[in-house]
C-alpha atoms as a PDB file:
ATOM      1  CA  GLN A   1      10.898 -14.963  -4.532  1.00  0.00           C
ATOM      2  CA  VAL A   2      10.120 -11.980  -2.570  1.00  0.00           C
ATOM      3  CA  GLN A   3       8.307 -11.623   1.013  1.00  0.00           C
ATOM      4  CA  LEU A   4       6.312  -9.032   2.035  1.00  0.00           C
ATOM      5  CA  VAL A   5       5.800  -7.712   5.857  1.00  0.00           C
ATOM      6  CA  GLU A   6       3.179  -5.056   6.446  1.00  0.00           C
ATOM      7  CA  SER A   7       3.563  -1.993   9.773  1.00  0.00           C
ATOM      8  CA  GLY A   8       2.047   0.694  10.866  1.00  0.00           C
ATOM      9  CA  GLY A   9      -1.468  -0.168  11.078  1.00  0.00           C
ATOM     10  CA  GLY A  10      -3.557   1.218  13.612  1.00  0.00           C
ATOM     11  CA  LEU A  11      -6.962   3.005  15.434  1.00  0.00           C
ATOM     12  CA  VAL A  12      -7.089   6.757  14.733  1.00  0.00           C
ATOM     13  CA  GLN A  13      -9.705   9.455  14.270  1.00  0.00           C
ATOM     14  CA  ALA A  14     -10.890  10.711  11.283  1.00  0.00           C
ATOM     15  CA  GLY A  15      -8.845  13.687   9.976  1.00  0.00           C
ATOM     16  CA  GLY A  16      -5.679  11.794  11.454  1.00  0.00           C
ATOM     17  CA  SER A  17      -2.293  10.644   9.555  1.00  0.00           C
ATOM     18  CA  LEU A  18      -0.940   7.138   9.425  1.00  0.00           C
ATOM     19  CA  ARG A  19       1.820   5.696   7.799  1.00  0.00           C
ATOM     20  CA  LEU A  20       1.945   2.299   6.474  1.00  0.00           C
ATOM     21  CA  SER A  21       5.589   0.283   5.673  1.00  0.00           C
ATOM     22  CA  CYS A  22       6.286  -2.679   3.781  1.00  0.00           C
ATOM     23  CA  ALA A  23       9.693  -4.122   3.560  1.00  0.00           C
ATOM     24  CA  ALA A  24      10.420  -6.818   1.328  1.00  0.00           C
ATOM     25  CA  SER A  25      12.788  -9.684   1.684  1.00  0.00           C
ATOM     26  CA  GLY A  26      15.146 -10.576  -0.936  1.00  0.00           C
ATOM     27  CA  ARG A  27      17.969  -8.859  -3.541  1.00  0.00           C
ATOM     28  CA  THR A  28      15.041  -8.169  -6.719  1.00  0.00           C
ATOM     29  CA  PHE A  29      12.759  -5.684  -4.826  1.00  0.00           C
ATOM     30  CA  SER A  30      13.887  -2.619  -7.066  1.00  0.00           C
ATOM     31  CA  MET A  31      12.757  -4.906  -9.808  1.00  0.00           C
ATOM     32  CA  TYR A  32       9.177  -4.675  -8.719  1.00  0.00           C
ATOM     33  CA  ALA A  33       6.641  -2.421  -8.899  1.00  0.00           C
ATOM     34  CA  MET A  34       4.989  -2.159  -5.898  1.00  0.00           C
ATOM     35  CA  GLY A  35       1.134  -1.555  -5.208  1.00  0.00           C
ATOM     36  CA  TRP A  36      -0.714  -0.815  -2.082  1.00  0.00           C
ATOM     37  CA  PHE A  37      -4.349  -2.656  -1.758  1.00  0.00           C
ATOM     38  CA  ARG A  38      -7.097  -2.324   0.715  1.00  0.00           C
ATOM     39  CA  GLN A  39     -10.414  -4.444   1.513  1.00  0.00           C
ATOM     40  CA  ALA A  40     -12.909  -3.359   4.139  1.00  0.00           C
ATOM     41  CA  PRO A  41     -15.137  -5.873   5.834  1.00  0.00           C
ATOM     42  CA  GLY A  42     -17.985  -7.251   3.243  1.00  0.00           C
ATOM     43  CA  LYS A  43     -16.094  -5.825   0.407  1.00  0.00           C
ATOM     44  CA  GLU A  44     -13.876  -7.022  -2.299  1.00  0.00           C
ATOM     45  CA  ARG A  45      -9.705  -6.039  -2.216  1.00  0.00           C
ATOM     46  CA  GLU A  46      -9.405  -2.923  -4.303  1.00  0.00           C
ATOM     47  CA  PHE A  47      -6.618  -1.424  -5.555  1.00  0.00           C
ATOM     48  CA  VAL A  48      -4.924   2.008  -3.678  1.00  0.00           C
ATOM     49  CA  VAL A  49      -1.794   3.116  -5.718  1.00  0.00           C
ATOM     50  CA  VAL A  50       1.409   1.756  -7.200  1.00  0.00           C
ATOM     51  CA  THR A  51       4.698   2.974  -7.952  1.00  0.00           C
ATOM     52  CA  SER A  52       6.854   2.007 -10.340  1.00  0.00           C
ATOM     53  CA  SER A  53       9.954  -0.166  -9.590  1.00  0.00           C
ATOM     54  CA  ASN A  54      12.547   3.207  -9.663  1.00  0.00           C
ATOM     55  CA  GLY A  55       9.702   5.327  -8.166  1.00  0.00           C
ATOM     56  CA  GLY A  56       9.440   7.657 -11.501  1.00  0.00           C
ATOM     57  CA  THR A  57       5.426   6.435 -11.723  1.00  0.00           C
ATOM     58  CA  LYS A  58       2.677   6.596  -9.135  1.00  0.00           C
ATOM     59  CA  TYR A  59      -1.067   5.814  -9.495  1.00  0.00           C
ATOM     60  CA  TYR A  60      -3.759   6.631  -7.426  1.00  0.00           C
ATOM     61  CA  THR A  61      -6.956   5.681  -6.348  1.00  0.00           C
ATOM     62  CA  ASP A  62      -9.059   8.665  -7.298  1.00  0.00           C
ATOM     63  CA  SER A  63     -10.561   8.374  -3.267  1.00  0.00           C
ATOM     64  CA  VAL A  64      -7.013   8.637  -2.027  1.00  0.00           C
ATOM     65  CA  LYS A  65      -5.656  11.278  -4.357  1.00  0.00           C
ATOM     66  CA  GLY A  66      -4.278  14.438  -2.616  1.00  0.00           C
ATOM     67  CA  ARG A  67      -4.248  12.698   0.645  1.00  0.00           C
ATOM     68  CA  PHE A  68      -2.356   9.376   0.445  1.00  0.00           C
ATOM     69  CA  THR A  69       1.274   9.090  -0.924  1.00  0.00           C
ATOM     70  CA  ILE A  70       3.559   6.304  -1.950  1.00  0.00           C
ATOM     71  CA  SER A  71       6.811   6.273  -1.788  1.00  0.00           C
ATOM     72  CA  ARG A  72       9.854   3.728  -1.402  1.00  0.00           C
ATOM     73  CA  ASP A  73      13.427   3.013  -1.120  1.00  0.00           C
ATOM     74  CA  ASN A  74      14.895   0.640  -3.090  1.00  0.00           C
ATOM     75  CA  ALA A  75      18.203   1.348  -0.505  1.00  0.00           C
ATOM     76  CA  LYS A  76      15.822  -0.399   2.324  1.00  0.00           C
ATOM     77  CA  ASN A  77      14.150  -2.595   0.523  1.00  0.00           C
ATOM     78  CA  THR A  78      10.890  -0.729   1.541  1.00  0.00           C
ATOM     79  CA  VAL A  79       7.882   1.041   0.570  1.00  0.00           C
ATOM     80  CA  TYR A  80       5.639   3.211   2.664  1.00  0.00           C
ATOM     81  CA  LEU A  81       2.276   4.544   2.592  1.00  0.00           C
ATOM     82  CA  GLN A  82       1.175   7.981   3.906  1.00  0.00           C
ATOM     83  CA  MET A  83      -2.336   8.614   4.561  1.00  0.00           C
ATOM     84  CA  ASN A  84      -3.169  11.770   5.750  1.00  0.00           C
ATOM     85  CA  SER A  85      -6.497  13.053   6.326  1.00  0.00           C
ATOM     86  CA  LEU A  86      -8.550   9.893   6.824  1.00  0.00           C
ATOM     87  CA  LYS A  87     -11.892   9.250   6.884  1.00  0.00           C
ATOM     88  CA  PRO A  88     -13.802   6.469   7.809  1.00  0.00           C
ATOM     89  CA  GLU A  89     -14.601   4.600   4.540  1.00  0.00           C
ATOM     90  CA  ASP A  90     -10.480   4.540   4.375  1.00  0.00           C
ATOM     91  CA  THR A  91     -11.001   1.726   7.289  1.00  0.00           C
ATOM     92  CA  GLY A  92      -9.965  -1.797   6.100  1.00  0.00           C
ATOM     93  CA  VAL A  93      -7.012  -4.324   5.725  1.00  0.00           C
ATOM     94  CA  TYR A  94      -3.896  -2.538   3.913  1.00  0.00           C
ATOM     95  CA  TYR A  95      -1.274  -5.119   1.637  1.00  0.00           C
ATOM     96  CA  CYS A  96       1.436  -4.458  -0.350  1.00  0.00           C
ATOM     97  CA  ALA A  97       1.886  -6.044  -3.369  1.00  0.00           C
ATOM     98  CA  ALA A  98       4.695  -6.777  -5.528  1.00  0.00           C
ATOM     99  CA  SER A  99       4.255  -6.855  -9.922  1.00  0.00           C
ATOM    100  CA  ARG A 100       6.404  -6.717 -12.649  1.00  0.00           C
ATOM    101  CA  TYR A 101       4.189  -4.231 -13.925  1.00  0.00           C
ATOM    102  CA  ALA A 102       2.439  -0.658 -12.347  1.00  0.00           C
ATOM    103  CA  THR A 103      -1.113  -1.843 -12.147  1.00  0.00           C
ATOM    104  CA  ASP A 104      -4.127  -1.504 -10.249  1.00  0.00           C
ATOM    105  CA  ASP A 105      -4.619  -5.210 -11.602  1.00  0.00           C
ATOM    106  CA  PRO A 106      -4.310  -7.496  -8.671  1.00  0.00           C
ATOM    107  CA  LYS A 107      -4.416 -10.545 -10.733  1.00  0.00           C
ATOM    108  CA  TYR A 108      -1.042  -9.446 -11.792  1.00  0.00           C
ATOM    109  CA  TYR A 109       0.863  -9.313  -7.965  1.00  0.00           C
ATOM    110  CA  ASP A 110       2.887 -12.228  -7.874  1.00  0.00           C
ATOM    111  CA  TYR A 111       3.591 -11.747  -3.853  1.00  0.00           C
ATOM    112  CA  TRP A 112       1.536 -10.136  -1.312  1.00  0.00           C
ATOM    113  CA  GLY A 113       1.869  -9.327   2.512  1.00  0.00           C
ATOM    114  CA  GLN A 114      -0.526 -10.678   5.089  1.00  0.00           C
ATOM    115  CA  GLY A 115      -1.738  -6.946   5.454  1.00  0.00           C
ATOM    116  CA  THR A 116      -2.050  -4.831   8.451  1.00  0.00           C
ATOM    117  CA  GLN A 117      -5.570  -3.087   9.871  1.00  0.00           C
ATOM    118  CA  VAL A 118      -6.884   0.645   9.460  1.00  0.00           C
ATOM    119  CA  THR A 119      -9.441   1.295  11.071  1.00  0.00           C
ATOM    120  CA  VAL A 120     -10.432   5.042  11.220  1.00  0.00           C
ATOM    121  CA  SER A 121     -13.110   6.155  13.449  1.00  0.00           C
ATOM    122  CA  SER A 122     -15.627   8.871  13.019  1.00  0.00           C
END
């Protein structure tokens, strides 16, 4: 069992930065790939980025490439999402999730956090 708690969301102006954190409980964190998803109002949840269990492989959705960076610290059971050059279209609830696979498909994720709100004003 893995419990995930996100933090770091907030309100920021376009062009600004935020750093999200996702703290995991349990001793098996390092076995899981960790992904970030987001859901904008009125839209379906979408994949943002995933990192493999050892952090060696990362996949980003095209819209965030060059602006967002995922990292993880397995010693601290934490995964981070550094978001730079934020745009209003980045607004949404951001969720971290754990999967046995480094995939963009949400159905393969076994554990989800409760989400943290990110709002980017224009």
